[in-house]
């Protein structure tokens, strides 16, 4: 986490539009099915494992991921840095109500932070929204839209967004707005946060978690077989 915060701060201070991506089991399955999304993730300036299953899977494949870095925890750390360093932030995504409540929650926790702007994630004119972000002077863009929509938006509009860190935060705005709740710490550590989320909205989430997680396990097993069959 500390290394990720430092890396993000360096990217914010750079003179480019940098892209941060968090991956979990669901996004890895999406990337498997969507080569364009996979390419965007591979080109990102920083990628974190957000999801204990992604950490465990990486370690099983011999990839030394030190720990899980959740998007919402990293986001809150960066908002704190933005308050201290004077970086304006922009919130983009969710419904207008949720986005407004998320802004209020941030302002109550970080009273000296500068909110450069915010708007909902329901739009079709990506170029116009990107220009609004640029005009706001934001240095940290928090994008609370579903995947792969947010990854495509950031990647395709990078040249119009200006010098900032574009950070995909998934459903973090809903948590800030208290529309959904985070799992208890023990469930997070046990890799059961997905199940806690599923119990809150089973009708909407069953395919994403039950089918998606099963596919992730199968893809992991297949990759382990492929690696074990390679000459040493």
Protein backbone atom coordinates (compact mmCIF):
# COMPACT_ATOMS: atom_id res chain seq x y z
CA UNK A 1 0.00 0.00 0.00
CA UNK A 2 2.70 2.49 0.96
CA UNK A 3 4.62 1.79 -2.26
CA UNK A 4 1.39 2.26 -4.24
CA UNK A 5 0.67 5.62 -2.57
CA UNK A 6 4.21 6.78 -3.36
CA UNK A 7 3.95 5.61 -6.98
CA UNK A 8 0.58 7.35 -7.40
CA UNK A 9 1.93 10.60 -5.97
CA UNK A 10 4.81 10.50 -8.42
CA UNK A 11 2.38 9.96 -11.28
CA UNK A 12 0.18 12.86 -10.14
CA UNK A 13 3.22 15.14 -10.10
CA UNK A 14 4.25 14.06 -13.61
CA UNK A 15 3.22 15.99 -16.71
CA UNK A 16 1.15 13.22 -18.29
CA UNK A 17 -2.24 11.59 -17.94
CA UNK A 18 -1.44 8.46 -15.94
CA UNK A 19 -3.80 5.52 -15.58
CA UNK A 20 -4.21 3.36 -12.48
CA UNK A 21 -6.03 0.03 -12.70
CA UNK A 22 -7.17 -2.33 -9.94
CA UNK A 23 -7.72 -5.97 -10.88
CA UNK A 24 -9.77 -8.64 -9.19
CA UNK A 25 -11.14 -12.00 -10.29
CA UNK A 26 -14.00 -10.41 -12.20
CA UNK A 27 -11.82 -7.99 -14.14
CA UNK A 28 -9.32 -10.72 -15.01
CA UNK A 29 -12.15 -12.77 -16.49
CA UNK A 30 -13.38 -9.71 -18.42
CA UNK A 31 -9.86 -9.11 -19.73
CA UNK A 32 -9.66 -12.73 -20.85
CA UNK A 33 -12.81 -12.23 -22.92
CA UNK A 34 -11.95 -8.71 -24.11
CA UNK A 35 -8.48 -8.41 -25.72
CA UNK A 36 -8.84 -4.63 -25.92
CA UNK A 37 -9.43 -4.40 -22.16
CA UNK A 38 -6.47 -6.72 -21.57
CA UNK A 39 -4.31 -4.41 -23.68
CA UNK A 40 -5.47 -1.35 -21.71
CA UNK A 41 -4.62 -3.05 -18.40
CA UNK A 42 -1.19 -4.04 -19.70
CA UNK A 43 -0.51 -0.44 -20.76
CA UNK A 44 -1.62 1.08 -17.45
CA UNK A 45 0.99 3.01 -15.48
CA UNK A 46 0.19 1.17 -12.24
CA UNK A 47 -1.78 -2.02 -11.58
CA UNK A 48 -2.81 -3.24 -8.12
CA UNK A 49 -4.37 -6.53 -7.04
CA UNK A 50 -7.72 -5.49 -5.55
CA UNK A 51 -9.23 -8.80 -4.48
CA UNK A 52 -7.69 -11.52 -2.36
CA UNK A 53 -8.36 -14.11 -5.06
CA UNK A 54 -6.11 -12.16 -7.45
CA UNK A 55 -3.33 -12.15 -4.83
CA UNK A 56 -3.68 -15.89 -4.14
CA UNK A 57 -3.90 -16.71 -7.85
CA UNK A 58 -0.77 -14.70 -8.62
CA UNK A 59 1.18 -16.41 -5.86
CA UNK A 60 0.06 -19.84 -7.10
CA UNK A 61 1.54 -18.90 -10.46
CA UNK A 62 4.80 -17.80 -8.89
CA UNK A 63 4.12 -14.06 -9.21
CA UNK A 64 5.26 -12.31 -6.00
CA UNK A 65 2.34 -9.99 -5.18
CA UNK A 66 3.11 -8.73 -1.64
CA UNK A 67 -0.42 -7.87 -0.53
CA UNK A 68 -3.89 -6.84 -1.57
CA UNK A 69 -4.30 -3.12 -2.22
CA UNK A 70 -8.00 -2.30 -2.29
CA UNK A 71 -9.17 0.49 -4.53
CA UNK A 72 -11.21 2.27 -1.87
CA UNK A 73 -8.40 2.21 0.71
CA UNK A 74 -5.87 3.52 -1.80
CA UNK A 75 -8.39 6.12 -2.94
CA UNK A 76 -8.82 7.44 0.60
CA UNK A 77 -5.07 7.59 1.11
CA UNK A 78 -4.73 9.61 -2.11
CA UNK A 79 -7.52 11.99 -1.15
CA UNK A 80 -5.60 12.63 2.06
CA UNK A 81 -2.48 13.34 0.01
CA UNK A 82 -4.51 15.64 -2.26
CA UNK A 83 -5.71 17.61 0.76
CA UNK A 84 -2.16 17.99 2.07
CA UNK A 85 -0.54 18.81 -1.28
CA UNK A 86 -3.32 20.97 -2.72
CA UNK A 87 -4.23 18.68 -5.60
CA UNK A 88 -7.80 19.32 -6.87
CA UNK A 89 -9.87 16.16 -7.37
CA UNK A 90 -12.76 15.34 -9.70
CA UNK A 91 -15.38 12.65 -9.10
CA UNK A 92 -16.93 11.01 -12.16
CA UNK A 93 -19.43 8.17 -12.01
CA UNK A 94 -22.45 6.54 -10.32
CA UNK A 95 -25.78 8.37 -10.22
CA UNK A 96 -25.91 12.11 -9.55
CA UNK A 97 -27.36 11.44 -6.08
CA UNK A 98 -24.62 8.98 -5.14
CA UNK A 99 -21.89 11.19 -6.57
CA UNK A 100 -23.21 14.20 -4.61
CA UNK A 101 -23.34 12.19 -1.38
CA UNK A 102 -19.82 10.88 -2.01
CA UNK A 103 -18.56 14.46 -2.40
CA UNK A 104 -20.21 15.44 0.89
CA UNK A 105 -18.65 12.44 2.64
CA UNK A 106 -15.19 13.37 1.33
CA UNK A 107 -15.60 17.01 2.34
CA UNK A 108 -16.66 16.03 5.85
CA UNK A 109 -13.62 13.79 6.27
CA UNK A 110 -11.15 16.03 4.44
CA UNK A 111 -12.42 19.59 4.98
CA UNK A 112 -9.48 21.24 3.20
CA UNK A 113 -9.60 19.15 0.04
CA UNK A 114 -10.44 20.95 -3.21
CA UNK A 115 -13.26 19.35 -5.22
CA UNK A 116 -12.63 20.58 -8.75
CA UNK A 117 -15.87 19.09 -10.01
CA UNK A 118 -18.15 16.07 -10.09
CA UNK A 119 -20.82 14.52 -12.26
CA UNK A 120 -22.65 11.24 -12.79
CA UNK A 121 -21.39 8.47 -15.02
CA UNK A 122 -24.37 8.41 -17.37
CA UNK A 123 -23.21 10.21 -20.48
CA UNK A 124 -22.52 9.47 -24.13
CA UNK A 125 -20.32 12.41 -25.14
CA UNK A 126 -17.01 11.21 -23.69
CA UNK A 127 -14.99 13.96 -25.35
CA UNK A 128 -17.09 16.73 -23.81
CA UNK A 129 -16.80 15.23 -20.32
CA UNK A 130 -13.04 14.84 -20.73
CA UNK A 131 -12.77 18.51 -21.68
CA UNK A 132 -14.75 19.45 -18.56
CA UNK A 133 -12.29 17.49 -16.43
CA UNK A 134 -9.38 19.25 -18.12
CA UNK A 135 -10.96 22.69 -17.59
CA UNK A 136 -11.49 21.92 -13.89
CA UNK A 137 -7.76 21.72 -13.27
CA UNK A 138 -8.09 18.38 -11.45
CA UNK A 139 -4.92 16.42 -10.71
CA UNK A 140 -6.70 13.32 -9.39
CA UNK A 141 -9.67 11.92 -11.34
CA UNK A 142 -11.74 9.30 -9.52
CA UNK A 143 -13.80 7.29 -12.00
CA UNK A 144 -16.63 5.34 -10.38
CA UNK A 145 -18.01 3.54 -13.42
CA UNK A 146 -18.24 -0.21 -14.11
CA UNK A 147 -15.63 -2.15 -16.06
CA UNK A 148 -14.78 -2.12 -18.89
CA UNK A 149 -16.53 1.23 -19.41
CA UNK A 150 -14.17 3.19 -17.14
CA UNK A 151 -11.00 1.65 -18.55
CA UNK A 152 -12.05 2.43 -22.11
CA UNK A 153 -13.04 6.00 -21.18
CA UNK A 154 -9.72 6.76 -19.48
CA UNK A 155 -7.65 5.12 -22.20
CA UNK A 156 -9.48 6.74 -25.11
CA UNK A 157 -9.69 10.23 -23.57
CA UNK A 158 -6.21 10.35 -22.01
CA UNK A 159 -4.96 13.11 -24.32
CA UNK A 160 -7.95 15.31 -23.43
CA UNK A 161 -7.89 14.84 -19.65
CA UNK A 162 -4.68 16.76 -19.00
CA UNK A 163 -1.91 16.08 -16.48
CA UNK A 164 -3.52 13.97 -13.78
CA UNK A 165 -3.88 10.48 -12.38
CA UNK A 166 -7.04 8.77 -13.62
CA UNK A 167 -8.03 6.24 -10.99
CA UNK A 168 -10.81 3.69 -11.50
CA UNK A 169 -12.60 3.23 -8.18
CA UNK A 170 -15.48 0.91 -9.12
CA UNK A 171 -18.30 1.03 -6.55
CA UNK A 172 -16.40 3.14 -4.00
CA UNK A 173 -18.80 6.07 -4.40
CA UNK A 174 -21.68 3.84 -3.28
CA UNK A 175 -19.75 2.98 -0.11
CA UNK A 176 -18.94 6.63 0.60
CA UNK A 177 -22.60 7.50 0.01
CA UNK A 178 -23.57 4.65 2.39
CA UNK A 179 -25.67 2.98 -0.26
CA UNK A 180 -23.67 -0.23 0.21
CA UNK A 181 -21.48 -1.47 3.07
CA UNK A 182 -18.01 -2.98 3.12
CA UNK A 183 -17.49 -6.47 4.45
CA UNK A 184 -16.05 -6.90 7.95
CA UNK A 185 -12.26 -7.04 8.13
CA UNK A 186 -12.21 -10.78 8.74
CA UNK A 187 -14.23 -11.43 5.58
CA UNK A 188 -11.89 -9.17 3.59
CA UNK A 189 -8.85 -11.08 4.88
CA UNK A 190 -10.51 -14.42 4.13
CA UNK A 191 -11.25 -13.41 0.55
CA UNK A 192 -15.00 -13.35 1.19
CA UNK A 193 -15.74 -9.71 0.47
CA UNK A 194 -17.36 -10.76 -2.82
CA UNK A 195 -19.79 -12.99 -0.87
CA UNK A 196 -20.72 -10.14 1.46
CA UNK A 197 -21.41 -7.95 -1.57
CA UNK A 198 -23.44 -10.76 -3.16
CA UNK A 199 -25.68 -11.07 -0.07
CA UNK A 200 -26.59 -7.39 -0.34
CA UNK A 201 -27.78 -7.60 -3.97
CA UNK A 202 -28.10 -11.29 -4.93
CA UNK A 203 -30.36 -10.75 -7.94
CA UNK A 204 -28.01 -8.23 -9.52
CA UNK A 205 -24.71 -9.82 -8.51
CA UNK A 206 -25.24 -13.58 -8.86
CA UNK A 207 -23.92 -13.86 -12.40
CA UNK A 208 -20.94 -11.59 -11.76
CA UNK A 209 -19.79 -13.43 -8.65
CA UNK A 210 -20.96 -17.03 -8.92
CA UNK A 211 -20.37 -17.52 -12.63
CA UNK A 212 -17.43 -15.11 -12.80
CA UNK A 213 -15.60 -16.62 -9.82
CA UNK A 214 -16.07 -20.14 -11.17
CA UNK A 215 -14.58 -19.06 -14.50
CA UNK A 216 -11.67 -17.42 -12.70
CA UNK A 217 -10.85 -20.68 -10.90
CA UNK A 218 -10.98 -22.62 -14.17
CA UNK A 219 -8.74 -20.08 -15.92
CA UNK A 220 -6.29 -20.24 -13.02
CA UNK A 221 -6.16 -24.04 -13.12
CA UNK A 222 -5.61 -23.98 -16.87
CA UNK A 223 -2.77 -21.48 -16.51
CA UNK A 224 -1.17 -23.60 -13.78
CA UNK A 225 -1.28 -26.62 -16.08
CA UNK A 226 0.25 -24.62 -18.93
CA UNK A 227 3.08 -23.40 -16.71
CA UNK A 228 3.78 -26.82 -15.24
CA UNK A 229 4.08 -28.33 -18.74
CA UNK A 230 6.74 -25.83 -19.85
CA UNK A 231 10.37 -27.05 -19.92
CA UNK A 232 12.32 -26.00 -16.84
